[in-house]
Amino acid sequence: QVQLVESGGGLVQAGGSLRLSCAASGGIFRFNAMGWYRQAPGKQRELVATLNSRGGTNYADSVKGRFTISRDNAKNTVYLQMNSLKPEDTAVYYCNLDYYSALSDFEVWGQGTLVTVSS
């Protein structure tokens, strides 16, 4: 069974940068798409960025121009480079993987990593 392990969260001042990592392990699968989502206190989980198998990306309007999603195929790892961070970016960030294995499609979530941006 595929599992996701996230890392890279922490406390940063406004204007700073962080890079989140999400490593997939535990099975043989075909990557369909991977994304980062976030959930701030008292708010619903929202999409931040996605990356599909053809290299296409999609970003929330609030992070366009500041965040970049990328992938290292050899390491089965997806990254989220976050620049020019703002206090409103404070949230728990979750990694999501949509993959194909054993004739079926699956979806798996990471455990979340907290990003706190101070003003």
C-alpha atoms as a PDB file:
ATOM      1  CA  GLN A   1       0.000   0.000   0.000  1.00  0.00           C
ATOM      2  CA  VAL A   2       1.375   3.379  -0.995  1.00  0.00           C
ATOM      3  CA  GLN A   3       2.078   5.839   1.796  1.00  0.00           C
ATOM      4  CA  LEU A   4       3.015   9.501   1.756  1.00  0.00           C
ATOM      5  CA  VAL A   5       5.460  11.167   4.114  1.00  0.00           C
ATOM      6  CA  GLU A   6       5.539  14.954   4.217  1.00  0.00           C
ATOM      7  CA  SER A   7       8.253  17.184   5.582  1.00  0.00           C
ATOM      8  CA  GLY A   8       9.469  20.752   5.441  1.00  0.00           C
ATOM      9  CA  GLY A   9       6.886  22.664   7.421  1.00  0.00           C
ATOM     10  CA  GLY A  10       7.782  25.113  10.137  1.00  0.00           C
ATOM     11  CA  LEU A  11       7.710  28.705  11.306  1.00  0.00           C
ATOM     12  CA  VAL A  12       8.824  31.462   8.972  1.00  0.00           C
ATOM     13  CA  GLN A  13       8.504  35.220   8.868  1.00  0.00           C
ATOM     14  CA  ALA A  14       6.372  36.914   6.263  1.00  0.00           C
ATOM     15  CA  GLY A  15       8.292  37.249   3.016  1.00  0.00           C
ATOM     16  CA  GLY A  16      10.293  34.131   3.702  1.00  0.00           C
ATOM     17  CA  SER A  17      10.407  30.776   1.934  1.00  0.00           C
ATOM     18  CA  LEU A  18       9.844  27.130   2.712  1.00  0.00           C
ATOM     19  CA  ARG A  19       9.997  23.967   0.649  1.00  0.00           C
ATOM     20  CA  LEU A  20       7.651  21.121   1.419  1.00  0.00           C
ATOM     21  CA  SER A  21       8.421  17.553   0.363  1.00  0.00           C
ATOM     22  CA  CYS A  22       6.110  14.604  -0.107  1.00  0.00           C
ATOM     23  CA  ALA A  23       7.692  11.186  -0.628  1.00  0.00           C
ATOM     24  CA  ALA A  24       5.652   8.223  -1.832  1.00  0.00           C
ATOM     25  CA  SER A  25       6.647   4.690  -0.905  1.00  0.00           C
ATOM     26  CA  GLY A  26       5.292   1.210  -0.323  1.00  0.00           C
ATOM     27  CA  GLY A  27       4.233  -0.071  -3.703  1.00  0.00           C
ATOM     28  CA  ILE A  28       4.571  -0.155  -7.441  1.00  0.00           C
ATOM     29  CA  PHE A  29       2.233   2.307  -9.040  1.00  0.00           C
ATOM     30  CA  ARG A  30       1.665   4.617 -11.927  1.00  0.00           C
ATOM     31  CA  PHE A  31       1.513   8.276 -11.037  1.00  0.00           C
ATOM     32  CA  ASN A  32      -1.658   9.994 -12.209  1.00  0.00           C
ATOM     33  CA  ALA A  33      -1.560  13.249 -10.318  1.00  0.00           C
ATOM     34  CA  MET A  34      -0.281  14.721  -7.117  1.00  0.00           C
ATOM     35  CA  GLY A  35      -1.342  17.797  -5.269  1.00  0.00           C
ATOM     36  CA  TRP A  36      -0.921  19.971  -2.249  1.00  0.00           C
ATOM     37  CA  TYR A  37      -3.885  21.125  -0.233  1.00  0.00           C
ATOM     38  CA  ARG A  38      -4.102  23.196   2.904  1.00  0.00           C
ATOM     39  CA  GLN A  39      -6.475  23.734   5.763  1.00  0.00           C
ATOM     40  CA  ALA A  40      -6.367  26.790   7.974  1.00  0.00           C
ATOM     41  CA  PRO A  41      -8.028  26.834  11.418  1.00  0.00           C
ATOM     42  CA  GLY A  42     -11.778  27.088  11.071  1.00  0.00           C
ATOM     43  CA  LYS A  43     -11.680  26.791   7.295  1.00  0.00           C
ATOM     44  CA  GLN A  44     -12.259  24.067   4.758  1.00  0.00           C
ATOM     45  CA  ARG A  45      -9.429  22.263   3.043  1.00  0.00           C
ATOM     46  CA  GLU A  46      -8.520  23.962  -0.212  1.00  0.00           C
ATOM     47  CA  LEU A  47      -6.429  23.129  -3.227  1.00  0.00           C
ATOM     48  CA  VAL A  48      -3.044  24.821  -3.431  1.00  0.00           C
ATOM     49  CA  ALA A  49      -1.369  23.215  -6.450  1.00  0.00           C
ATOM     50  CA  THR A  50      -1.546  20.080  -8.575  1.00  0.00           C
ATOM     51  CA  LEU A  51       0.789  18.318 -10.982  1.00  0.00           C
ATOM     52  CA  ASN A  52      -0.413  15.691 -13.451  1.00  0.00           C
ATOM     53  CA  SER A  53       1.395  12.878 -15.242  1.00  0.00           C
ATOM     54  CA  ARG A  54       1.966  15.026 -18.342  1.00  0.00           C
ATOM     55  CA  GLY A  55       3.662  17.738 -16.310  1.00  0.00           C
ATOM     56  CA  GLY A  56       0.697  20.059 -16.308  1.00  0.00           C
ATOM     57  CA  THR A  57       0.266  22.245 -13.250  1.00  0.00           C
ATOM     58  CA  ASN A  58      -2.605  24.094 -11.657  1.00  0.00           C
ATOM     59  CA  TYR A  59      -2.444  26.671  -8.873  1.00  0.00           C
ATOM     60  CA  ALA A  60      -4.883  28.443  -6.631  1.00  0.00           C
ATOM     61  CA  ASP A  61      -5.121  32.109  -7.553  1.00  0.00           C
ATOM     62  CA  SER A  62      -3.890  33.064  -4.095  1.00  0.00           C
ATOM     63  CA  VAL A  63      -0.518  31.365  -4.624  1.00  0.00           C
ATOM     64  CA  LYS A  64       0.147  31.927  -8.321  1.00  0.00           C
ATOM     65  CA  GLY A  65       3.545  33.471  -8.888  1.00  0.00           C
ATOM     66  CA  ARG A  66       4.697  32.577  -5.380  1.00  0.00           C
ATOM     67  CA  PHE A  67       4.438  28.775  -5.133  1.00  0.00           C
ATOM     68  CA  THR A  68       5.870  26.143  -7.476  1.00  0.00           C
ATOM     69  CA  ILE A  69       5.039  22.449  -7.546  1.00  0.00           C
ATOM     70  CA  SER A  70       7.606  20.038  -8.975  1.00  0.00           C
ATOM     71  CA  ARG A  71       8.444  16.365  -8.991  1.00  0.00           C
ATOM     72  CA  ASP A  72      11.538  14.171  -8.769  1.00  0.00           C
ATOM     73  CA  ASN A  73      10.553  10.969 -10.560  1.00  0.00           C
ATOM     74  CA  ALA A  74      13.591   9.023  -9.381  1.00  0.00           C
ATOM     75  CA  LYS A  75      12.727   9.710  -5.757  1.00  0.00           C
ATOM     76  CA  ASN A  76       8.929   9.491  -6.128  1.00  0.00           C
ATOM     77  CA  THR A  77       8.839  12.854  -4.408  1.00  0.00           C
ATOM     78  CA  VAL A  78       6.828  15.981  -5.051  1.00  0.00           C
ATOM     79  CA  TYR A  79       7.868  19.385  -3.775  1.00  0.00           C
ATOM     80  CA  LEU A  80       6.106  22.637  -3.076  1.00  0.00           C
ATOM     81  CA  GLN A  81       8.430  25.629  -3.128  1.00  0.00           C
ATOM     82  CA  MET A  82       6.759  28.481  -1.312  1.00  0.00           C
ATOM     83  CA  ASN A  83       8.185  31.983  -1.674  1.00  0.00           C
ATOM     84  CA  SER A  84       7.018  35.395  -0.486  1.00  0.00           C
ATOM     85  CA  LEU A  85       4.998  33.747   2.238  1.00  0.00           C
ATOM     86  CA  LYS A  86       2.164  35.655   3.849  1.00  0.00           C
ATOM     87  CA  PRO A  87       0.442  35.204   7.221  1.00  0.00           C
ATOM     88  CA  GLU A  88      -2.651  34.007   5.363  1.00  0.00           C
ATOM     89  CA  ASP A  89      -0.625  31.062   4.064  1.00  0.00           C
ATOM     90  CA  THR A  90      -0.602  29.669   7.604  1.00  0.00           C
ATOM     91  CA  ALA A  91      -2.236  26.241   7.523  1.00  0.00           C
ATOM     92  CA  VAL A  92      -1.679  22.521   7.704  1.00  0.00           C
ATOM     93  CA  TYR A  93      -0.505  21.434   4.270  1.00  0.00           C
ATOM     94  CA  TYR A  94      -1.492  18.010   2.992  1.00  0.00           C
ATOM     95  CA  CYS A  95      -0.090  16.023   0.124  1.00  0.00           C
ATOM     96  CA  ASN A  96      -2.422  13.967  -2.053  1.00  0.00           C
ATOM     97  CA  LEU A  97      -1.542  11.259  -4.554  1.00  0.00           C
ATOM     98  CA  ASP A  98      -3.820   9.840  -7.231  1.00  0.00           C
ATOM     99  CA  TYR A  99      -2.288   6.665  -8.602  1.00  0.00           C
ATOM    100  CA  TYR A 100      -3.010   3.534 -10.596  1.00  0.00           C
ATOM    101  CA  SER A 101      -2.044   0.076  -9.357  1.00  0.00           C
ATOM    102  CA  ALA A 102      -3.322  -3.476  -9.807  1.00  0.00           C
ATOM    103  CA  LEU A 103      -5.974  -2.418 -12.338  1.00  0.00           C
ATOM    104  CA  SER A 104      -7.501   0.193 -10.060  1.00  0.00           C
ATOM    105  CA  ASP A 105      -7.199   3.862  -9.226  1.00  0.00           C
ATOM    106  CA  PHE A 106      -6.428   4.912  -5.685  1.00  0.00           C
ATOM    107  CA  GLU A 107      -6.068   8.080  -3.683  1.00  0.00           C
ATOM    108  CA  VAL A 108      -3.922   8.563  -0.609  1.00  0.00           C
ATOM    109  CA  TRP A 109      -3.280  11.501   1.733  1.00  0.00           C
ATOM    110  CA  GLY A 110      -0.265  12.449   3.780  1.00  0.00           C
ATOM    111  CA  GLN A 111      -0.438  13.194   7.482  1.00  0.00           C
ATOM    112  CA  GLY A 112      -0.049  16.938   7.028  1.00  0.00           C
ATOM    113  CA  THR A 113       2.697  19.392   7.895  1.00  0.00           C
ATOM    114  CA  LEU A 114       2.128  22.695   9.664  1.00  0.00           C
ATOM    115  CA  VAL A 115       3.265  25.942   8.083  1.00  0.00           C
ATOM    116  CA  THR A 116       3.117  29.042  10.247  1.00  0.00           C
ATOM    117  CA  VAL A 117       3.897  32.458   8.796  1.00  0.00           C
ATOM    118  CA  SER A 118       4.406  35.240  11.302  1.00  0.00           C
ATOM    119  CA  SER A 119       3.806  38.884  10.488  1.00  0.00           C
END
